[in-house]
Amino acid sequence: MTDIKYTNDGKKVLIVGKLNSQETIVQEIFVSAGQEIPSGENFVVKSLHDAPAESWKEKNLRELEARYESDRKKLQTQIDDQERRLCLERDKAKLQTSALLQFVKNSDESQLDTLKNFMAGQITHLFVAGYSPEIISWKDSDKVYDADSFYHHARLDGIKLVSLMGKSDGDLSYRLHEYRDGSGGCGKTIYPTTSYEAALAMAQAQLDEDGAAYISGGSQYLNVDAWRKIEGIVIPPAVIERYEMLVDAQRLDRIEKLRKELSDLESNAPAKRKK
């Protein structure tokens, strides 16, 4: 089946022979059980093609269908992208609305008052919580202001960044950063107040809570030395007792280790040579 041609109407045919110079005898090829076989009666055609012929109309329709399919896929992709963006923006709006409603519902009025006092410049002291607690004055230049010292002179470059963070449950928290651009770590948690007494009350409440955990053994460390530096703070006697007990234990353990090191050195020392 080597002499295969195609008719004007797209039939695949086998050339049987020439009828004359203009006409050719052919037999149509059908597909049966996956195999192409010549079948049916022979017929005469005047023109044959090496490939299936396609009219201009058919070609144009095929190109239009291909262009339509391509454009349809592009439009569908754009529609899907817009739907995803719309869903994302809708979810964002829901979260923002929910957060605002939760904040209004749960926020403590005193926190809003603190924010107002901050904006009005009425904050005088900051209680710095954390590993090294302290109370600092807003006027304390090296604690609050970003200062640059050179040749026994100091230049204030600005206030260190104080960031305000909020949770959807209405809680507001402040952080004091190392530099005014926010660099130098994540910052220290601070509690702004309008007086030293208010800051001291916050510090005392924090110490009482941490001290209770320290006494019960729930916390193995408490920076008692830092707490002692806060003027007016009252450290519970039980905290002092546990702290001094642990310090003594550490001191005795250190002495024991030094004695062992000294003993090891003496036992490994070379014997004195006899004269």
Protein backbone atom coordinates (compact mmCIF):
# COMPACT_ATOMS: atom_id res chain seq x y z
CA MET A 1 0.00 0.00 0.00
CA THR A 2 2.57 2.45 -1.18
CA ASP A 3 0.61 4.53 -3.71
CA ILE A 4 -1.72 6.37 -1.36
CA LYS A 5 -3.45 9.60 -2.27
CA TYR A 6 -6.32 11.76 -1.06
CA THR A 7 -9.40 12.96 -2.93
CA ASN A 8 -10.83 16.45 -2.94
CA ASP A 9 -13.41 15.48 -0.36
CA GLY A 10 -10.73 14.07 1.99
CA LYS A 11 -11.06 10.35 1.25
CA LYS A 12 -7.92 8.23 1.59
CA VAL A 13 -7.58 6.02 -1.47
CA LEU A 14 -5.33 3.44 -3.09
CA ILE A 15 -4.45 4.03 -6.75
CA VAL A 16 -5.57 1.04 -8.78
CA GLY A 17 -4.55 2.33 -12.19
CA LYS A 18 -4.84 5.05 -14.79
CA LEU A 19 -8.03 5.32 -16.82
CA ASN A 20 -6.64 8.02 -19.07
CA SER A 21 -4.37 11.06 -18.86
CA GLN A 22 -6.86 12.95 -16.70
CA GLU A 23 -8.65 10.28 -14.70
CA THR A 24 -7.45 7.73 -12.18
CA ILE A 25 -9.08 4.57 -10.88
CA VAL A 26 -8.92 4.36 -7.07
CA GLN A 27 -10.30 2.31 -4.21
CA GLU A 28 -11.17 3.87 -0.86
CA ILE A 29 -9.27 2.81 2.29
CA PHE A 30 -11.25 2.01 5.42
CA VAL A 31 -10.13 1.21 8.96
CA SER A 32 -11.15 -2.16 10.43
CA ALA A 33 -9.95 -3.46 13.79
CA GLY A 34 -7.25 -0.79 13.78
CA GLN A 35 -5.99 -1.82 10.36
CA GLU A 36 -6.26 0.19 7.13
CA ILE A 37 -7.56 -1.91 4.25
CA PRO A 38 -8.79 -1.05 0.73
CA SER A 39 -12.46 -1.92 0.43
CA GLY A 40 -15.51 -1.21 -1.65
CA GLU A 41 -15.92 -0.63 -5.36
CA ASN A 42 -13.38 1.16 -7.48
CA PHE A 43 -14.25 4.62 -8.68
CA VAL A 44 -12.75 7.26 -10.92
CA VAL A 45 -11.44 10.64 -9.82
CA LYS A 46 -9.88 13.47 -11.79
CA SER A 47 -7.63 14.99 -9.12
CA LEU A 48 -5.62 13.54 -6.24
CA HIS A 49 -3.49 15.07 -3.48
CA ASP A 50 -0.49 13.88 -1.50
CA ALA A 51 -2.11 15.07 1.73
CA PRO A 52 -5.71 15.52 2.77
CA ALA A 53 -7.09 18.58 1.02
CA GLU A 54 -8.57 21.36 3.13
CA SER A 55 -10.81 24.10 1.83
CA TRP A 56 -10.21 27.75 2.76
CA LYS A 57 -13.40 27.65 4.77
CA GLU A 58 -12.31 24.56 6.67
CA LYS A 59 -8.82 25.99 7.24
CA ASN A 60 -10.19 29.31 8.44
CA LEU A 61 -12.69 27.57 10.71
CA ARG A 62 -9.95 25.37 12.16
CA GLU A 63 -7.74 28.41 12.83
CA LEU A 64 -10.65 30.25 14.40
CA GLU A 65 -11.38 27.29 16.65
CA ALA A 66 -7.72 27.05 17.66
CA ARG A 67 -7.57 30.79 18.35
CA TYR A 68 -10.81 30.60 20.30
CA GLU A 69 -9.48 27.73 22.40
CA SER A 70 -6.23 29.60 23.08
CA ASP A 71 -8.09 32.79 24.00
CA ARG A 72 -10.55 30.81 26.11
CA LYS A 73 -7.73 29.25 28.13
CA LYS A 74 -6.09 32.66 28.65
CA LEU A 75 -9.37 34.23 29.74
CA GLN A 76 -10.10 31.30 32.04
CA THR A 77 -6.66 31.65 33.62
CA GLN A 78 -7.26 35.39 34.13
CA ILE A 79 -10.70 34.68 35.62
CA ASP A 80 -9.22 32.07 37.98
CA ASP A 81 -6.47 34.52 39.03
CA GLN A 82 -9.02 37.25 39.67
CA GLU A 83 -11.16 34.84 41.70
CA ARG A 84 -8.15 33.88 43.81
CA ARG A 85 -7.25 37.54 44.37
CA LEU A 86 -10.86 38.34 45.20
CA CYS A 87 -11.03 35.47 47.70
CA LEU A 88 -7.74 36.58 49.24
CA GLU A 89 -8.88 40.20 49.56
CA ARG A 90 -12.22 39.01 50.96
CA ASP A 91 -10.44 36.88 53.58
CA LYS A 92 -8.17 39.83 54.44
CA ALA A 93 -11.17 42.10 54.85
CA LYS A 94 -12.86 39.52 57.09
CA LEU A 95 -9.76 39.19 59.26
CA GLN A 96 -9.28 42.95 59.51
CA THR A 97 -12.93 43.49 60.37
CA SER A 98 -12.85 40.68 62.91
CA ALA A 99 -9.64 42.03 64.44
CA LEU A 100 -11.10 45.53 64.77
CA LEU A 101 -14.30 44.18 66.32
CA GLN A 102 -12.34 42.01 68.74
CA PHE A 103 -10.09 44.92 69.63
CA VAL A 104 -13.07 47.21 70.31
CA LYS A 105 -14.77 44.46 72.29
CA ASN A 106 -11.81 43.25 74.37
CA SER A 107 -9.36 46.14 74.58
CA ASP A 108 -8.67 47.51 78.03
CA GLU A 109 -9.51 51.19 78.36
CA SER A 110 -6.28 51.70 80.30
CA GLN A 111 -4.31 50.53 77.26
CA LEU A 112 -6.02 53.15 75.13
CA ASP A 113 -5.24 55.72 77.80
CA THR A 114 -1.58 54.69 77.66
CA LEU A 115 -1.59 55.18 73.89
CA LYS A 116 -3.16 58.61 74.31
CA ASN A 117 -0.57 59.55 76.95
CA PHE A 118 2.22 58.37 74.68
CA MET A 119 0.97 60.51 71.81
CA ALA A 120 0.48 63.48 74.15
CA GLY A 121 4.03 63.24 75.51
CA GLN A 122 2.88 62.49 79.06
CA ILE A 123 4.90 59.27 79.51
CA THR A 124 7.60 59.80 82.16
CA HIS A 125 8.87 56.30 83.00
CA LEU A 126 9.15 52.89 81.39
CA PHE A 127 9.14 49.57 83.17
CA VAL A 128 11.40 47.26 81.16
CA ALA A 129 10.38 43.64 81.66
CA GLY A 130 12.35 40.54 80.84
CA TYR A 131 15.71 39.07 81.79
CA SER A 132 17.10 42.34 83.18
CA PRO A 133 14.14 44.30 84.58
CA GLU A 134 14.55 47.99 85.26
CA ILE A 135 12.68 51.26 85.48
CA ILE A 136 14.03 54.02 83.28
CA SER A 137 13.10 57.66 83.01
CA TRP A 138 11.95 58.99 79.66
CA LYS A 139 14.58 61.69 80.14
CA ASP A 140 17.35 59.10 80.48
CA SER A 141 19.36 59.94 77.36
CA ASP A 142 21.42 56.75 77.03
CA LYS A 143 18.37 54.52 77.61
CA VAL A 144 15.75 56.21 75.46
CA TYR A 145 17.71 58.34 72.99
CA ASP A 146 20.03 57.16 70.24
CA ALA A 147 23.21 59.03 71.21
CA ASP A 148 26.54 59.24 69.41
CA SER A 149 29.56 60.06 71.60
CA PHE A 150 32.79 61.44 70.17
CA TYR A 151 35.70 63.43 71.68
CA HIS A 152 33.96 63.79 75.05
CA HIS A 153 30.90 65.22 73.34
CA ALA A 154 27.52 63.61 72.82
CA ARG A 155 25.08 64.09 69.99
CA LEU A 156 21.50 62.90 70.11
CA ASP A 157 20.48 61.39 66.78
CA GLY A 158 16.89 60.73 67.80
CA ILE A 159 14.62 58.68 70.01
CA LYS A 160 15.10 54.94 69.93
CA LEU A 161 12.28 53.25 68.09
CA VAL A 162 9.29 52.38 70.27
CA SER A 163 7.07 49.95 68.39
CA LEU A 164 3.46 49.23 69.23
CA MET A 165 2.14 45.76 68.52
CA GLY A 166 -1.41 44.59 68.84
CA LYS A 167 -3.20 41.28 68.93
CA SER A 168 -6.70 40.59 67.71
CA ASP A 169 -7.76 39.94 71.31
CA GLY A 170 -7.27 43.62 72.10
CA ASP A 171 -3.92 43.34 73.84
CA LEU A 172 -1.37 46.07 73.10
CA SER A 173 2.34 45.74 73.78
CA TYR A 174 5.26 48.13 73.38
CA ARG A 175 8.89 47.40 72.59
CA LEU A 176 11.94 49.61 72.95
CA HIS A 177 14.56 48.91 70.30
CA GLU A 178 18.31 49.43 70.48
CA TYR A 179 18.38 52.07 67.74
CA ARG A 180 15.96 54.55 66.25
CA ASP A 181 15.70 52.61 62.98
CA GLY A 182 14.48 49.50 64.81
CA SER A 183 17.71 47.54 64.40
CA GLY A 184 19.58 45.78 67.19
CA GLY A 185 17.32 42.82 67.87
CA CYS A 186 13.60 42.49 68.48
CA GLY A 187 13.63 45.00 71.33
CA LYS A 188 12.70 44.92 75.01
CA THR A 189 9.12 44.71 76.22
CA ILE A 190 8.24 47.95 78.01
CA TYR A 191 5.28 49.30 79.97
CA PRO A 192 4.92 53.08 79.61
CA THR A 193 3.61 54.99 82.65
CA THR A 194 3.04 58.57 83.66
CA SER A 195 4.92 58.29 86.99
CA TYR A 196 7.65 56.33 88.72
CA GLU A 197 5.13 55.01 91.23
CA ALA A 198 3.01 53.49 88.45
CA ALA A 199 6.08 51.87 86.90
CA LEU A 200 7.12 50.56 90.32
CA ALA A 201 3.67 49.02 90.84
CA MET A 202 3.98 47.20 87.51
CA ALA A 203 7.46 46.03 88.39
CA GLN A 204 6.33 44.81 91.81
CA ALA A 205 3.44 42.85 90.27
CA GLN A 206 5.83 41.23 87.81
CA LEU A 207 8.32 40.37 90.56
CA ASP A 208 5.61 38.87 92.76
CA GLU A 209 4.46 36.65 89.89
CA ASP A 210 7.98 35.59 88.87
CA GLY A 211 9.02 35.21 92.49
CA ALA A 212 6.16 32.81 93.21
CA ALA A 213 7.28 30.60 90.31
CA TYR A 214 10.88 30.88 91.47
CA ILE A 215 10.04 29.85 95.05
CA SER A 216 7.93 26.89 93.92
CA GLY A 217 10.67 25.62 91.65
CA GLY A 218 8.70 26.30 88.49
CA SER A 219 11.45 28.68 87.42
CA GLN A 220 15.11 27.92 88.02
CA TYR A 221 16.43 31.46 87.56
CA LEU A 222 15.51 34.93 88.70
CA ASN A 223 17.74 37.95 88.15
CA VAL A 224 17.65 39.08 91.78
CA ASP A 225 20.61 41.41 91.28
CA ALA A 226 18.70 43.34 88.61
CA TRP A 227 15.58 43.55 90.78
CA ARG A 228 17.64 44.88 93.70
CA LYS A 229 18.69 47.88 91.60
CA ILE A 230 15.10 49.08 91.25
CA GLU A 231 14.48 51.69 93.91
CA GLY A 232 11.47 50.89 96.09
CA ILE A 233 11.05 47.29 94.95
CA VAL A 234 10.25 44.75 97.68
CA ILE A 235 11.80 41.36 97.11
CA PRO A 236 9.98 38.64 99.09
CA PRO A 237 12.19 37.08 101.82
CA ALA A 238 11.51 33.59 100.43
CA VAL A 239 12.98 34.71 97.09
CA ILE A 240 16.11 36.02 98.81
CA GLU A 241 16.41 32.81 100.81
CA ARG A 242 16.18 30.58 97.74
CA TYR A 243 18.51 32.85 95.77
CA GLU A 244 21.20 32.81 98.47
CA MET A 245 20.81 29.05 98.91
CA LEU A 246 21.36 28.50 95.18
CA VAL A 247 24.29 30.94 95.14
CA ASP A 248 25.90 29.08 98.08
CA ALA A 249 25.32 25.76 96.32
CA GLN A 250 26.95 27.08 93.16
CA ARG A 251 29.85 28.49 95.18
CA LEU A 252 30.43 25.19 96.98
CA ASP A 253 30.18 23.30 93.69
CA ARG A 254 32.75 25.65 92.18
CA ILE A 255 35.07 25.17 95.17
CA GLU A 256 34.76 21.40 94.85
CA LYS A 257 35.60 21.56 91.16
CA LEU A 258 38.64 23.77 91.84
CA ARG A 259 39.83 21.41 94.56
CA LYS A 260 39.54 18.48 92.17
CA GLU A 261 41.42 20.37 89.45
CA LEU A 262 44.16 21.25 91.96
CA SER A 263 44.35 17.66 93.14
CA ASP A 264 44.64 16.41 89.58
CA LEU A 265 47.42 18.92 88.87
CA GLU A 266 49.34 17.89 91.99
CA SER A 267 49.03 14.17 91.23
CA ASN A 268 50.23 14.66 87.67
CA ALA A 269 53.16 16.94 88.67
CA PRO A 270 56.66 15.36 88.02
CA ALA A 271 58.62 14.25 91.14
CA LYS A 272 61.54 16.49 92.26
CA ARG A 273 64.89 15.27 91.11
CA LYS A 274 67.32 14.11 93.79
CA LYS A 275 70.59 16.05 94.06
